[in-house]
Protein backbone atom coordinates (compact mmCIF):
# COMPACT_ATOMS: atom_id res chain seq x y z
CA GLN A 1 -31.98 91.42 104.29
CA LEU A 2 -35.40 92.27 105.32
CA GLN A 3 -35.61 92.92 109.04
CA LEU A 4 -38.84 93.75 111.20
CA VAL A 5 -39.24 95.23 114.49
CA GLU A 6 -42.66 95.06 116.49
CA SER A 7 -43.66 97.53 119.10
CA GLY A 8 -46.76 98.43 120.91
CA GLY A 9 -47.34 95.50 123.43
CA GLY A 10 -48.17 95.69 126.89
CA LEU A 11 -50.67 94.94 129.57
CA VAL A 12 -54.36 95.72 129.08
CA GLN A 13 -57.59 94.92 130.79
CA PRO A 14 -60.21 92.80 129.10
CA GLY A 15 -62.19 95.02 126.83
CA GLY A 16 -59.20 97.39 126.30
CA PHE A 17 -57.11 98.10 123.11
CA LEU A 18 -53.47 98.08 122.01
CA ARG A 19 -51.97 99.38 118.71
CA LEU A 20 -49.15 97.20 117.51
CA SER A 21 -46.60 98.38 114.89
CA CYS A 22 -44.24 96.50 112.53
CA GLU A 23 -41.46 98.34 110.98
CA PHE A 24 -39.35 97.38 108.21
CA SER A 25 -35.80 98.12 108.07
CA GLU A 26 -34.24 100.79 105.88
CA GLY A 27 -33.02 99.68 102.47
CA SER A 28 -35.25 96.71 102.46
CA PRO A 29 -38.15 96.14 99.84
CA VAL A 30 -41.59 96.80 101.10
CA SER A 31 -43.17 94.77 98.42
CA HIS A 32 -43.85 91.83 100.65
CA ALA A 33 -47.08 90.81 102.30
CA ILE A 34 -47.20 91.31 106.11
CA GLY A 35 -48.79 88.81 108.59
CA TRP A 36 -49.20 89.03 112.23
CA PHE A 37 -49.00 85.91 114.29
CA ARG A 38 -49.25 85.11 118.00
CA GLN A 39 -48.07 82.52 120.24
CA ALA A 40 -49.17 81.75 123.76
CA PRO A 41 -47.33 79.46 126.14
CA GLY A 42 -47.83 75.82 125.30
CA LYS A 43 -49.67 76.56 122.05
CA GLU A 44 -48.66 76.59 118.37
CA ARG A 45 -47.95 79.94 116.67
CA GLU A 46 -51.32 81.10 114.97
CA GLY A 47 -52.02 83.46 112.16
CA VAL A 48 -53.87 86.47 113.27
CA SER A 49 -53.98 88.64 110.10
CA CYS A 50 -52.10 89.31 106.84
CA ILE A 51 -52.18 92.29 104.40
CA SER A 52 -51.01 92.46 100.83
CA TYR A 53 -48.36 94.98 99.59
CA SER A 54 -51.10 97.19 98.12
CA GLY A 55 -53.18 96.94 101.20
CA GLN A 56 -56.05 96.03 99.03
CA THR A 57 -56.16 92.37 100.20
CA SER A 58 -56.28 91.33 103.88
CA ASN A 59 -57.24 88.17 106.09
CA TYR A 60 -58.27 87.72 109.59
CA ALA A 61 -58.45 84.69 111.86
CA ASP A 62 -62.26 84.07 112.66
CA SER A 63 -61.25 84.78 116.45
CA VAL A 64 -60.34 88.39 115.84
CA LYS A 65 -62.77 89.56 112.88
CA GLY A 66 -64.71 92.54 113.92
CA ARG A 67 -62.32 93.35 116.57
CA PHE A 68 -58.71 93.59 115.01
CA THR A 69 -57.84 95.85 111.87
CA ILE A 70 -54.63 95.47 109.82
CA SER A 71 -53.38 98.56 107.73
CA ARG A 72 -50.03 99.66 106.20
CA ASP A 73 -48.05 102.76 105.33
CA ASN A 74 -45.54 101.77 102.74
CA ALA A 75 -44.05 105.22 102.83
CA ALA A 76 -43.47 104.93 106.47
CA ARG A 77 -42.47 101.39 106.29
CA THR A 78 -44.87 100.39 108.71
CA VAL A 79 -47.83 97.79 109.16
CA THR A 80 -50.25 98.46 112.13
CA LEU A 81 -52.63 95.97 113.81
CA GLN A 82 -55.13 97.94 115.85
CA MET A 83 -56.77 95.48 118.55
CA ASN A 84 -60.03 96.53 120.13
CA ASN A 85 -62.13 94.64 122.72
CA LEU A 86 -59.19 92.53 123.83
CA LYS A 87 -59.83 89.22 125.62
CA PRO A 88 -57.76 87.31 127.72
CA GLU A 89 -57.60 84.55 124.90
CA ASP A 90 -55.64 87.17 122.87
CA ALA A 91 -52.71 87.18 125.16
CA GLY A 92 -49.48 86.09 123.86
CA VAL A 93 -46.25 87.02 121.94
CA TYR A 94 -47.26 89.00 118.66
CA LEU A 95 -44.87 88.54 115.87
CA CYS A 96 -44.87 90.17 112.42
CA ALA A 97 -43.61 88.36 109.38
CA ALA A 98 -42.81 89.01 105.70
CA SER A 99 -43.76 86.75 102.92
CA HIS A 100 -40.93 84.94 100.94
CA GLY A 101 -41.51 87.21 98.00
CA ASN A 102 -43.78 89.84 96.46
CA TRP A 103 -46.77 87.44 96.25
CA TYR A 104 -49.63 86.91 98.74
CA PRO A 105 -49.09 83.95 100.97
CA GLY A 106 -51.21 80.89 100.42
CA PRO A 107 -52.50 79.96 102.92
CA TRP A 108 -52.02 83.45 104.56
CA ASN A 109 -52.08 81.85 107.94
CA SER A 110 -49.22 79.26 107.23
CA THR A 111 -45.79 80.03 109.02
CA THR A 112 -44.10 78.41 106.09
CA GLU A 113 -45.27 81.07 103.78
CA TYR A 114 -43.17 83.68 105.52
CA GLY A 115 -39.50 83.99 105.23
CA TYR A 116 -38.67 86.99 107.72
CA TRP A 117 -39.69 87.28 111.27
CA GLY A 118 -39.53 89.88 113.97
CA GLN A 119 -38.68 89.21 117.62
CA GLY A 120 -42.13 89.70 118.85
CA THR A 121 -44.01 91.79 121.35
CA GLN A 122 -45.77 90.62 124.48
CA VAL A 123 -49.68 91.24 124.78
CA THR A 124 -50.99 90.56 128.40
CA VAL A 125 -54.73 90.87 128.93
CA SER A 126 -55.56 90.54 132.44
CA SER A 127 -57.68 92.57 135.15
């Protein structure tokens, strides 16, 4: 059973940065694509970014392009989301998710394309 654990959330001022990590459990396959989603109170869960197993394919929501960068280290069993120039509208619970199998999700930002979810980490952007 693939298990995912997020870390790195916190409180940051607008314009600041955070680095989120998603770690896969030991013994689970790392051949899945990994996506980051976020959910703000009263809003639907939205896709933020996704990266393929090889790291050669990635996607971003329009709202974060140029500010967020996704990367992965399969040897370390970790996917990282570097978030720069954070805005208040970036706040929410950030969750990482693994695709159902070893294929790239299509569409990448659809929650139904992912079969495994972490518990999430809170990101607050406020002065």
